[in-house]
């Protein structure tokens, strides 16, 4: 069995330092992989997107792993495991070389690394190298690789720019830090929600908090899964099912409300094991998003049937989405033209959603088109003699109706408003200044 990149990294680490990330030897080789001090500024810039001093590098296990993965990954892709080990030791790819550093020949060093990695030894003359055609099979599948970068494969596939960047990262064995640095320069990043940006950043800058947030989300979302009849999604080892992982991601990274998560989970309840894989799974999620963003709700059978139809080539996402938009245009008739032109009802309702969020002091992510006040405003019929398209309920009227909600009286907004009125009354009677 071919030595994987992860196994190679382990082998190099063991041979170079026994896994000691803090060691600095007498000739200036630093850390677990024994990187020379002179190489550290440039190699960290290549792997991480910024340069580090050798002291900073020595004190960061993550940086050492990222640099080794980046540099050895390039060698591995071009020369295979033995050639990569040879390059690390001697700067040339021939693993059968008898060149020596005074302690080991290249061949001896490579054999030690491959033996430590579990990949066996190199027989003299038995390795082909330098063709540049070595095929490397990743040790992780695409979903797991995406997770390492704080994303999901379905999200990556939703954007050509993001997909292109992800493929570059995988083929170049980028570290998570370098991926994030490049991600922040994309148009995709600038157009995403603050919730998603914070999620991706936290994953790499504060892993302890990230892990705690994920653990909290696991417990919370699993409870929702039980509520909608999917049953417990955490096994005896504390591991989440694929469905639960997706739901946790949607909640933490995308800011989905509990109501939206329950609707999404409920729609999944009759699929095979709660999960649809591949193109059907991606189509399922895109259809659910299109429906939710346009205030439409469908049965799980509807989602499943259309997702399978799209994956099998009998239909297209565009065709099904057009059906959703037509239904939404009929429900929210005052916004018919905008909806059919491609705008989502959720975006059209943004002024109402923000106003309600401010007045009732709840996160905007907890307010959607199924909120009673928002639904009423968006479906209100136009007044006689007015245009048939556009916002039908004035914002001041909407805010007055929200203030009539008993929930408003419990907010700080209400208390401050009532204090202001009381002060004005007292002032009018000469009792206050």
Protein backbone atom coordinates (compact mmCIF):
# COMPACT_ATOMS: atom_id res chain seq x y z
CA UNK A 1 0.00 0.00 0.00
CA UNK A 2 1.40 3.42 -0.96
CA UNK A 3 2.55 5.70 1.82
CA UNK A 4 0.10 8.57 2.27
CA UNK A 5 1.12 12.19 2.83
CA UNK A 6 -0.06 12.04 6.44
CA UNK A 7 2.04 8.93 7.03
CA UNK A 8 5.03 10.60 5.38
CA UNK A 9 4.69 13.65 7.63
CA UNK A 10 4.61 11.39 10.67
CA UNK A 11 7.69 9.50 9.46
CA UNK A 12 9.71 12.67 8.85
CA UNK A 13 8.67 14.05 12.21
CA UNK A 14 9.78 10.91 14.03
CA UNK A 15 13.12 10.59 12.25
CA UNK A 16 13.99 14.28 12.50
CA UNK A 17 13.08 14.95 16.13
CA UNK A 18 11.07 12.13 17.65
CA UNK A 19 8.09 14.47 17.46
CA UNK A 20 9.69 17.26 19.55
CA UNK A 21 8.25 20.58 18.36
CA UNK A 22 10.47 22.71 20.64
CA UNK A 23 13.92 21.39 19.74
CA UNK A 24 16.53 23.59 18.02
CA UNK A 25 19.74 21.75 17.12
CA UNK A 26 23.32 22.98 17.00
CA UNK A 27 23.24 23.91 13.29
CA UNK A 28 19.98 25.89 13.52
CA UNK A 29 17.35 23.34 12.51
CA UNK A 30 14.05 24.15 14.26
CA UNK A 31 11.13 22.09 15.51
CA UNK A 32 9.64 18.68 14.85
CA UNK A 33 10.59 18.62 11.14
CA UNK A 34 13.97 20.35 11.65
CA UNK A 35 13.47 23.28 9.29
CA UNK A 36 16.57 25.47 8.93
CA UNK A 37 16.25 28.95 10.43
CA UNK A 38 17.13 30.57 7.12
CA UNK A 39 14.20 28.90 5.36
CA UNK A 40 11.55 29.78 7.94
CA UNK A 41 10.59 33.35 6.83
CA UNK A 42 10.05 32.32 3.19
CA UNK A 43 8.49 28.94 3.86
CA UNK A 44 6.01 30.32 6.37
CA UNK A 45 5.08 33.05 3.90
CA UNK A 46 4.45 30.41 1.22
CA UNK A 47 2.44 28.12 3.49
CA UNK A 48 0.64 30.62 5.73
CA UNK A 49 0.51 33.82 3.75
CA UNK A 50 2.79 35.68 6.19
CA UNK A 51 6.36 35.34 7.49
CA UNK A 52 7.37 34.18 10.95
CA UNK A 53 10.61 34.45 12.91
CA UNK A 54 12.26 31.20 13.88
CA UNK A 55 11.23 31.79 17.52
CA UNK A 56 7.56 32.21 16.52
CA UNK A 57 7.83 29.13 14.34
CA UNK A 58 9.36 27.06 17.15
CA UNK A 59 6.48 28.06 19.46
CA UNK A 60 3.71 27.12 17.02
CA UNK A 61 2.94 23.46 16.40
CA UNK A 62 0.28 24.47 13.90
CA UNK A 63 2.76 26.52 11.85
CA UNK A 64 5.30 23.70 11.83
CA UNK A 65 2.72 21.18 10.65
CA UNK A 66 1.40 23.60 8.02
CA UNK A 67 4.85 24.33 6.57
CA UNK A 68 5.82 20.65 6.49
CA UNK A 69 2.52 19.70 4.87
CA UNK A 70 2.90 22.44 2.27
CA UNK A 71 6.52 21.75 1.31
CA UNK A 72 6.40 17.96 1.54
CA UNK A 73 3.02 18.01 -0.21
CA UNK A 74 4.56 19.65 -3.27
CA UNK A 75 7.40 17.11 -3.30
CA UNK A 76 4.99 14.22 -2.67
CA UNK A 77 2.76 15.16 -5.56
CA UNK A 78 5.71 15.38 -7.93
CA UNK A 79 7.99 12.57 -6.75
CA UNK A 80 5.98 10.29 -4.47
CA UNK A 81 6.75 9.48 -0.82
CA UNK A 82 10.34 8.26 -1.28
CA UNK A 83 11.28 11.13 -3.57
CA UNK A 84 9.69 13.64 -1.18
CA UNK A 85 11.69 12.27 1.76
CA UNK A 86 14.83 12.48 -0.36
CA UNK A 87 14.09 16.10 -1.28
CA UNK A 88 13.56 16.98 2.39
CA UNK A 89 16.91 15.48 3.32
CA UNK A 90 19.11 16.35 0.36
CA UNK A 91 17.31 18.77 -1.97
CA UNK A 92 17.30 16.20 -4.80
CA UNK A 93 14.64 13.55 -5.52
CA UNK A 94 16.73 10.38 -5.96
CA UNK A 95 15.97 8.15 -2.94
CA UNK A 96 18.70 5.72 -3.95
CA UNK A 97 21.50 8.26 -3.73
CA UNK A 98 24.56 7.37 -1.67
CA UNK A 99 25.20 11.05 -0.85
CA UNK A 100 25.64 11.52 2.88
CA UNK A 101 25.43 14.23 5.53
CA UNK A 102 28.10 12.43 7.53
CA UNK A 103 25.60 10.34 9.43
CA UNK A 104 23.14 8.93 6.91
CA UNK A 105 23.13 8.43 3.17
CA UNK A 106 20.02 9.60 1.34
CA UNK A 107 18.93 5.98 0.94
CA UNK A 108 19.35 5.29 4.66
CA UNK A 109 17.41 8.41 5.60
CA UNK A 110 14.56 7.61 3.19
CA UNK A 111 14.34 4.02 4.48
CA UNK A 112 14.14 5.27 8.06
CA UNK A 113 11.36 7.71 7.18
CA UNK A 114 9.34 5.14 5.23
CA UNK A 115 9.83 2.56 7.97
CA UNK A 116 8.66 5.03 10.64
CA UNK A 117 5.66 5.95 8.51
CA UNK A 118 4.65 2.32 8.05
CA UNK A 119 5.47 2.35 4.35
CA UNK A 120 8.39 -0.09 4.30
CA UNK A 121 11.85 0.52 2.85
CA UNK A 122 13.20 1.43 -0.58
CA UNK A 123 15.09 -1.23 -2.48
CA UNK A 124 18.00 0.04 -4.53
CA UNK A 125 16.87 0.95 -8.02
CA UNK A 126 13.29 0.12 -7.19
CA UNK A 127 11.75 3.58 -7.22
CA UNK A 128 10.60 5.62 -10.20
CA UNK A 129 10.82 9.37 -9.66
CA UNK A 130 10.94 12.66 -11.49
CA UNK A 131 8.14 11.96 -14.00
CA UNK A 132 5.77 14.39 -12.33
CA UNK A 133 2.88 12.00 -12.95
CA UNK A 134 2.62 10.41 -9.52
CA UNK A 135 -1.03 10.11 -8.54
CA UNK A 136 -1.79 10.80 -4.89
CA UNK A 137 -4.96 9.46 -3.35
CA UNK A 138 -6.06 11.80 -0.53
CA UNK A 139 -6.46 10.17 2.88
CA UNK A 140 -9.60 12.25 3.45
CA UNK A 141 -12.68 12.44 1.26
CA UNK A 142 -13.89 15.75 -0.16
CA UNK A 143 -16.31 16.43 2.69
CA UNK A 144 -13.57 15.92 5.27
CA UNK A 145 -11.14 18.09 3.32
CA UNK A 146 -13.77 20.83 3.11
CA UNK A 147 -14.35 20.57 6.85
CA UNK A 148 -10.63 21.15 7.48
CA UNK A 149 -11.06 24.53 5.82
CA UNK A 150 -14.19 25.36 7.83
CA UNK A 151 -16.64 24.83 4.95
CA UNK A 152 -18.86 22.12 3.49
CA UNK A 153 -18.59 20.52 0.07
CA UNK A 154 -22.09 21.66 -0.89
CA UNK A 155 -21.18 25.27 -0.05
CA UNK A 156 -17.93 24.99 -2.01
CA UNK A 157 -19.79 23.62 -5.02
CA UNK A 158 -22.26 26.53 -4.90
CA UNK A 159 -19.61 29.02 -6.07
CA UNK A 160 -17.28 28.67 -9.05
CA UNK A 161 -14.78 31.02 -7.41
CA UNK A 162 -14.84 29.09 -4.14
CA UNK A 163 -14.64 25.74 -5.92
CA UNK A 164 -11.61 26.90 -7.90
CA UNK A 165 -9.85 28.12 -4.75
CA UNK A 166 -10.63 24.90 -2.88
CA UNK A 167 -9.23 22.77 -5.71
CA UNK A 168 -6.05 24.88 -5.67
CA UNK A 169 -5.76 24.38 -1.92
CA UNK A 170 -6.20 20.61 -2.11
CA UNK A 171 -3.81 20.13 -5.03
CA UNK A 172 -1.21 22.38 -3.39
CA UNK A 173 -1.66 20.88 0.10
CA UNK A 174 -2.38 24.35 1.49
CA UNK A 175 -2.58 24.80 5.22
CA UNK A 176 -5.88 25.97 6.67
CA UNK A 177 -4.25 29.30 7.51
CA UNK A 178 -3.12 29.87 3.93
CA UNK A 179 -6.55 28.89 2.62
CA UNK A 180 -8.19 31.40 4.93
CA UNK A 181 -5.77 34.15 3.90
CA UNK A 182 -6.56 33.54 0.22
CA UNK A 183 -10.29 33.18 0.97
CA UNK A 184 -10.43 36.67 2.47
CA UNK A 185 -9.28 38.14 -0.85
CA UNK A 186 -12.18 36.66 -2.84
CA UNK A 187 -15.39 38.34 -3.94
CA UNK A 188 -17.19 35.39 -2.39
CA UNK A 189 -15.84 36.26 1.08
CA UNK A 190 -16.87 39.93 0.85
CA UNK A 191 -20.41 38.92 -0.10
CA UNK A 192 -20.94 36.42 2.75
CA UNK A 193 -22.69 36.93 6.05
CA UNK A 194 -20.78 38.08 9.11
CA UNK A 195 -21.87 34.83 10.79
CA UNK A 196 -20.05 32.66 8.26
CA UNK A 197 -16.94 34.85 8.27
CA UNK A 198 -16.75 34.67 12.06
CA UNK A 199 -17.20 30.89 11.97
CA UNK A 200 -14.34 30.33 9.53
CA UNK A 201 -12.04 32.74 11.35
CA UNK A 202 -12.79 31.31 14.80
CA UNK A 203 -12.01 27.79 13.59
CA UNK A 204 -8.39 28.74 12.99
CA UNK A 205 -7.76 31.54 15.53
CA UNK A 206 -9.46 30.17 18.64
CA UNK A 207 -9.92 26.40 18.24
CA UNK A 208 -10.84 25.92 21.91
CA UNK A 209 -13.82 28.29 21.67
CA UNK A 210 -14.71 26.86 18.28
CA UNK A 211 -14.76 23.33 19.71
CA UNK A 212 -16.95 24.45 22.62
CA UNK A 213 -19.40 26.20 20.27
CA UNK A 214 -19.61 23.06 18.16
CA UNK A 215 -20.20 20.90 21.25
CA UNK A 216 -23.00 23.22 22.40
CA UNK A 217 -24.48 23.15 18.91
CA UNK A 218 -24.31 19.35 18.80
CA UNK A 219 -26.44 19.03 21.94
CA UNK A 220 -28.91 21.71 20.87
CA UNK A 221 -29.43 20.56 17.29
CA UNK A 222 -29.63 16.90 18.29
CA UNK A 223 -32.56 17.85 20.53
CA UNK A 224 -34.28 19.43 17.52
CA UNK A 225 -33.65 16.27 15.49
CA UNK A 226 -35.36 14.21 18.19
CA UNK A 227 -38.28 16.65 18.22
CA UNK A 228 -38.96 16.23 14.49
CA UNK A 229 -38.87 12.43 14.76
CA UNK A 230 -35.39 11.68 13.42
CA UNK A 231 -34.26 10.20 16.72
CA UNK A 232 -30.89 10.55 18.43
CA UNK A 233 -28.15 11.50 15.94
CA UNK A 234 -25.19 11.00 18.30
CA UNK A 235 -23.66 7.53 18.62
CA UNK A 236 -22.27 5.86 21.72
CA UNK A 237 -18.82 7.38 21.05
CA UNK A 238 -20.25 10.90 21.03
CA UNK A 239 -19.91 11.22 17.25
CA UNK A 240 -22.51 13.08 15.19
CA UNK A 241 -24.24 11.59 12.16
CA UNK A 242 -23.59 13.19 8.76
CA UNK A 243 -27.04 14.76 8.93
CA UNK A 244 -26.42 16.25 12.37
CA UNK A 245 -23.04 17.65 11.28
CA UNK A 246 -24.71 19.44 8.37
CA UNK A 247 -27.40 20.83 10.66
CA UNK A 248 -24.86 22.06 13.22
CA UNK A 249 -22.89 23.76 10.44
CA UNK A 250 -26.03 25.42 9.10
CA UNK A 251 -26.81 26.71 12.57
CA UNK A 252 -23.37 27.93 13.64
CA UNK A 253 -21.80 28.94 10.33
CA UNK A 254 -24.81 30.12 8.37
CA UNK A 255 -26.83 31.49 11.28
CA UNK A 256 -29.96 29.46 10.61
CA UNK A 257 -32.67 29.91 13.25
CA UNK A 258 -33.99 26.94 15.23
CA UNK A 259 -37.23 27.14 13.25
CA UNK A 260 -35.38 26.85 9.95
CA UNK A 261 -33.26 23.98 11.26
CA UNK A 262 -36.38 22.10 12.36
CA UNK A 263 -38.01 22.65 8.98
CA UNK A 264 -34.87 21.42 7.20
CA UNK A 265 -34.54 18.38 9.47
CA UNK A 266 -38.22 17.59 9.10
CA UNK A 267 -37.91 17.65 5.33
CA UNK A 268 -35.06 15.15 5.62
CA UNK A 269 -36.99 12.74 7.84
CA UNK A 270 -38.16 10.38 5.10
CA UNK A 271 -34.95 10.24 3.08
CA UNK A 272 -32.64 7.23 3.31
CA UNK A 273 -31.15 7.44 6.78
CA UNK A 274 -31.96 11.17 6.79
CA UNK A 275 -29.29 11.81 4.19
CA UNK A 276 -29.19 12.19 0.41
CA UNK A 277 -25.70 11.99 -1.01
CA UNK A 278 -23.94 13.36 -4.07
CA UNK A 279 -25.74 15.50 -6.61
CA UNK A 280 -29.15 14.61 -5.20
CA UNK A 281 -28.07 15.81 -1.76
CA UNK A 282 -26.75 19.08 -3.16
CA UNK A 283 -29.93 19.60 -5.14
CA UNK A 284 -32.01 18.83 -2.04
CA UNK A 285 -30.25 21.58 -0.06
CA UNK A 286 -30.46 24.12 -2.88
CA UNK A 287 -34.18 23.52 -3.31
CA UNK A 288 -34.76 23.83 0.41
CA UNK A 289 -32.86 27.12 0.47
CA UNK A 290 -34.78 28.46 -2.54
CA UNK A 291 -38.10 27.57 -0.88
CA UNK A 292 -37.16 28.97 2.52
CA UNK A 293 -35.78 32.22 1.11
CA UNK A 294 -39.04 32.72 -0.75
CA UNK A 295 -41.39 31.89 2.11
CA UNK A 296 -42.55 28.56 0.71
CA UNK A 297 -42.85 25.26 2.57
CA UNK A 298 -43.06 21.84 0.92
CA UNK A 299 -43.28 18.24 2.06
CA UNK A 300 -40.22 16.05 2.40
CA UNK A 301 -41.51 13.92 -0.49
CA UNK A 302 -41.60 17.00 -2.72
CA UNK A 303 -37.96 17.81 -1.97
CA UNK A 304 -36.86 14.20 -2.41
CA UNK A 305 -38.73 13.68 -5.68
CA UNK A 306 -37.37 16.87 -7.26
CA UNK A 307 -33.83 16.31 -5.99
CA UNK A 308 -33.75 12.84 -7.52
CA UNK A 309 -35.27 14.18 -10.73
CA UNK A 310 -32.52 16.82 -10.98
CA UNK A 311 -29.72 14.34 -10.21
CA UNK A 312 -31.04 11.93 -12.84
CA UNK A 313 -31.18 14.65 -15.50
CA UNK A 314 -34.97 14.59 -15.88
CA UNK A 315 -35.23 18.14 -14.55
CA UNK A 316 -32.99 21.07 -13.63
CA UNK A 317 -32.54 23.25 -10.57
CA UNK A 318 -33.57 26.26 -12.64
CA UNK A 319 -36.86 24.62 -13.66
CA UNK A 320 -37.83 23.67 -10.12
CA UNK A 321 -36.77 27.03 -8.73
CA UNK A 322 -38.94 28.74 -11.35
CA UNK A 323 -41.88 26.74 -9.99
CA UNK A 324 -41.05 27.92 -6.47
CA UNK A 325 -40.79 31.52 -7.62
CA UNK A 326 -44.11 31.33 -9.44
CA UNK A 327 -45.80 30.10 -6.26
CA UNK A 328 -44.08 32.81 -4.21
CA UNK A 329 -45.13 35.49 -6.71
CA UNK A 330 -48.73 34.37 -6.27
CA UNK A 331 -48.50 34.44 -2.47
CA UNK A 332 -46.63 37.75 -2.25
CA UNK A 333 -48.46 39.34 -5.15
CA UNK A 334 -47.38 42.86 -4.25
CA UNK A 335 -43.81 41.87 -5.13
CA UNK A 336 -44.59 39.68 -8.13
CA UNK A 337 -42.37 41.48 -10.64
CA UNK A 338 -39.30 41.50 -8.38
CA UNK A 339 -39.72 37.83 -7.44
CA UNK A 340 -40.06 36.66 -11.03
CA UNK A 341 -37.03 38.79 -11.91
CA UNK A 342 -34.93 36.74 -9.51
CA UNK A 343 -35.07 38.56 -6.17
CA UNK A 344 -35.70 36.48 -3.06
CA UNK A 345 -38.69 37.37 -0.90
CA UNK A 346 -36.45 37.29 2.18
CA UNK A 347 -34.34 40.10 0.70
CA UNK A 348 -37.42 42.09 -0.19
CA UNK A 349 -38.62 41.73 3.39
CA UNK A 350 -35.30 42.95 4.82
CA UNK A 351 -36.65 46.35 6.04
CA UNK A 352 -39.44 44.64 7.98
CA UNK A 353 -37.10 41.98 9.37
CA UNK A 354 -34.56 44.54 10.57
CA UNK A 355 -37.24 46.73 12.10
CA UNK A 356 -38.81 43.82 13.98
CA UNK A 357 -35.39 42.64 15.12
CA UNK A 358 -34.61 46.10 16.53
CA UNK A 359 -37.99 46.61 18.18
CA UNK A 360 -38.29 43.16 19.78
CA UNK A 361 -34.53 42.96 20.45
CA UNK A 362 -34.04 39.57 18.79
CA UNK A 363 -31.31 38.52 16.29
CA UNK A 364 -32.20 39.10 12.65
CA UNK A 365 -31.37 35.44 11.98
CA UNK A 366 -34.31 34.48 14.22
CA UNK A 367 -36.78 36.41 12.06
CA UNK A 368 -37.99 35.00 8.75
CA UNK A 369 -40.93 35.09 6.36
CA UNK A 370 -42.92 32.77 8.59
CA UNK A 371 -43.01 35.36 11.39
CA UNK A 372 -46.62 36.54 11.82
CA UNK A 373 -45.82 40.26 11.54
CA UNK A 374 -43.51 39.89 8.55
CA UNK A 375 -45.90 37.53 6.74
CA UNK A 376 -48.78 39.99 7.22
CA UNK A 377 -46.74 42.92 5.89
CA UNK A 378 -45.49 40.99 2.86
CA UNK A 379 -48.91 39.64 1.88
CA UNK A 380 -50.87 42.85 2.49
CA UNK A 381 -52.95 43.87 -0.50
CA UNK A 382 -52.10 47.18 -2.17
CA UNK A 383 -54.34 50.08 -1.37
CA UNK A 384 -56.84 51.09 -4.03
CA UNK A 385 -55.34 53.28 -6.71
CA UNK A 386 -51.71 52.35 -5.90
CA UNK A 387 -49.17 50.47 -8.00
CA UNK A 388 -49.53 46.70 -7.97
CA UNK A 389 -45.84 46.02 -7.26
CA UNK A 390 -43.61 46.89 -4.35
CA UNK A 391 -43.91 47.27 -0.58
CA UNK A 392 -47.58 47.47 0.39
CA UNK A 393 -47.41 48.22 4.12
CA UNK A 394 -45.62 51.43 5.14
CA UNK A 395 -42.81 50.82 7.60
CA UNK A 396 -44.33 53.18 10.19
CA UNK A 397 -47.56 51.14 10.15
CA UNK A 398 -45.59 47.91 10.48
CA UNK A 399 -43.65 49.28 13.46
CA UNK A 400 -46.87 50.41 15.16
CA UNK A 401 -48.29 46.90 14.80
CA UNK A 402 -45.12 45.36 16.25
CA UNK A 403 -45.32 47.75 19.22
CA UNK A 404 -48.84 46.48 19.83
CA UNK A 405 -47.40 42.98 20.32
CA UNK A 406 -47.21 42.04 24.05
CA UNK A 407 -43.61 40.94 23.45
CA UNK A 408 -42.62 44.54 22.76
CA UNK A 409 -43.65 45.67 26.25
CA UNK A 410 -40.99 43.38 27.73
CA UNK A 411 -38.12 45.00 25.82
CA UNK A 412 -35.74 47.77 26.80
CA UNK A 413 -37.10 49.70 23.81
CA UNK A 414 -40.54 49.75 25.40
CA UNK A 415 -39.28 50.77 28.83
CA UNK A 416 -37.20 53.60 27.40
CA UNK A 417 -40.11 54.75 25.23
CA UNK A 418 -42.50 54.79 28.19
CA UNK A 419 -39.95 56.65 30.33
CA UNK A 420 -39.59 59.27 27.61
CA UNK A 421 -43.37 59.73 27.41
CA UNK A 422 -43.69 59.93 31.19
CA UNK A 423 -40.92 62.52 31.36
CA UNK A 424 -42.58 64.60 28.65
CA UNK A 425 -45.95 64.51 30.47
CA UNK A 426 -44.27 65.56 33.73
CA UNK A 427 -42.44 68.32 31.90
CA UNK A 428 -45.71 69.60 30.37
CA UNK A 429 -47.17 69.87 33.86
CA UNK A 430 -44.08 71.66 35.14
CA UNK A 431 -42.98 68.73 37.27
CA UNK A 432 -39.73 68.06 35.44
CA UNK A 433 -37.06 69.84 33.42
